[in-house]
Amino acid sequence: MMSKATNEVLERRGGISALKQIVRVIVDFAVCYGYRVIKKL
């Protein structure tokens, strides 16, 4: 499911810019999730 969406994004734009965007989204998600976990502790 995820790979299908990423493949579509890569096809639409230049590969590198799309890849950077995906990495940014993953990093943002990881930071938000980590912050929540730390808050619970």
N, C-alpha and C. Protein backbone atom coordinates (compact mmCIF):
# COMPACT_ATOMS: atom_id res chain seq x y z
N MET A 1 0.83 -1.20 0.00
CA MET A 1 0.00 0.00 0.00
C MET A 1 0.87 1.26 0.00
N MET A 2 1.80 1.32 0.95
CA MET A 2 2.66 2.49 1.06
C MET A 2 3.58 2.59 -0.16
N SER A 3 4.16 1.46 -0.56
CA SER A 3 5.11 1.47 -1.68
C SER A 3 4.42 1.91 -2.97
N LYS A 4 3.15 1.52 -3.12
CA LYS A 4 2.40 1.91 -4.31
C LYS A 4 2.29 3.43 -4.39
N ALA A 5 1.94 4.05 -3.26
CA ALA A 5 1.79 5.51 -3.21
C ALA A 5 3.13 6.19 -3.48
N THR A 6 4.19 5.68 -2.88
CA THR A 6 5.51 6.29 -3.07
C THR A 6 5.94 6.17 -4.52
N ASN A 7 5.64 5.04 -5.15
CA ASN A 7 6.00 4.85 -6.55
C ASN A 7 5.29 5.88 -7.43
N GLU A 8 4.00 6.14 -7.12
CA GLU A 8 3.25 7.13 -7.89
C GLU A 8 3.87 8.51 -7.74
N VAL A 9 4.25 8.85 -6.51
CA VAL A 9 4.86 10.16 -6.25
C VAL A 9 6.18 10.26 -7.01
N LEU A 10 6.97 9.19 -6.98
CA LEU A 10 8.27 9.20 -7.66
C LEU A 10 8.08 9.38 -9.16
N GLU A 11 7.03 8.77 -9.71
CA GLU A 11 6.79 8.89 -11.16
C GLU A 11 6.36 10.30 -11.53
N ARG A 12 5.55 10.91 -10.67
CA ARG A 12 5.03 12.25 -10.97
C ARG A 12 6.13 13.30 -10.96
N ARG A 13 6.95 13.31 -9.90
CA ARG A 13 7.99 14.34 -9.79
C ARG A 13 9.36 13.71 -10.05
N GLY A 14 10.39 14.55 -10.03
CA GLY A 14 11.75 14.02 -10.10
C GLY A 14 11.99 13.15 -8.88
N GLY A 15 12.71 12.07 -9.04
CA GLY A 15 12.91 11.10 -7.95
C GLY A 15 13.48 11.71 -6.68
N ILE A 16 14.48 12.58 -6.82
CA ILE A 16 15.20 13.07 -5.64
C ILE A 16 14.31 13.96 -4.78
N SER A 17 13.59 14.89 -5.40
CA SER A 17 12.74 15.81 -4.63
C SER A 17 11.64 15.04 -3.92
N ALA A 18 11.05 14.04 -4.59
CA ALA A 18 10.01 13.22 -3.98
C ALA A 18 10.58 12.44 -2.80
N LEU A 19 11.78 11.91 -3.01
CA LEU A 19 12.43 11.13 -1.95
C LEU A 19 12.66 12.01 -0.72
N LYS A 20 13.11 13.24 -0.95
CA LYS A 20 13.35 14.17 0.17
C LYS A 20 12.06 14.44 0.92
N GLN A 21 10.96 14.61 0.18
CA GLN A 21 9.67 14.88 0.81
C GLN A 21 9.24 13.70 1.67
N ILE A 22 9.41 12.48 1.14
CA ILE A 22 9.04 11.28 1.88
C ILE A 22 9.86 11.18 3.15
N VAL A 23 11.16 11.44 3.05
CA VAL A 23 12.03 11.38 4.23
C VAL A 23 11.58 12.40 5.26
N ARG A 24 11.21 13.60 4.81
CA ARG A 24 10.74 14.65 5.73
C ARG A 24 9.50 14.20 6.48
N VAL A 25 8.56 13.61 5.75
CA VAL A 25 7.31 13.14 6.37
C VAL A 25 7.61 12.07 7.41
N ILE A 26 8.50 11.13 7.06
CA ILE A 26 8.86 10.05 7.99
C ILE A 26 9.52 10.62 9.23
N VAL A 27 10.42 11.58 9.05
CA VAL A 27 11.13 12.18 10.19
C VAL A 27 10.14 12.93 11.08
N ASP A 28 9.24 13.70 10.47
CA ASP A 28 8.24 14.44 11.25
C ASP A 28 7.40 13.47 12.06
N PHE A 29 6.96 12.38 11.43
CA PHE A 29 6.14 11.39 12.12
C PHE A 29 6.91 10.76 13.27
N ALA A 30 8.17 10.42 13.03
CA ALA A 30 9.00 9.80 14.06
C ALA A 30 9.17 10.74 15.25
N VAL A 31 9.40 12.02 14.96
CA VAL A 31 9.59 13.01 16.04
C VAL A 31 8.31 13.15 16.86
N CYS A 32 7.17 13.27 16.17
CA CYS A 32 5.89 13.41 16.88
C CYS A 32 5.61 12.18 17.72
N TYR A 33 5.83 11.00 17.16
CA TYR A 33 5.57 9.75 17.88
C TYR A 33 6.50 9.63 19.07
N GLY A 34 7.77 9.91 18.86
CA GLY A 34 8.75 9.84 19.95
C GLY A 34 8.40 10.81 21.06
N TYR A 35 7.96 12.01 20.70
CA TYR A 35 7.59 13.02 21.69
C TYR A 35 6.43 12.52 22.54
N ARG A 36 5.44 11.89 21.89
CA ARG A 36 4.29 11.34 22.62
C ARG A 36 4.73 10.26 23.60
N VAL A 37 5.60 9.37 23.13
CA VAL A 37 6.07 8.27 23.99
C VAL A 37 6.82 8.83 25.19
N ILE A 38 7.68 9.83 24.95
CA ILE A 38 8.46 10.42 26.04
C ILE A 38 7.53 11.11 27.03
N LYS A 39 6.49 11.78 26.52
CA LYS A 39 5.54 12.47 27.40
C LYS A 39 4.84 11.48 28.32
N LYS A 40 4.49 10.30 27.78
CA LYS A 40 3.80 9.28 28.58
C LYS A 40 4.70 8.77 29.69
N LEU A 41 5.99 8.65 29.41
CA LEU A 41 6.93 8.17 30.43
C LEU A 41 7.05 9.22 31.52
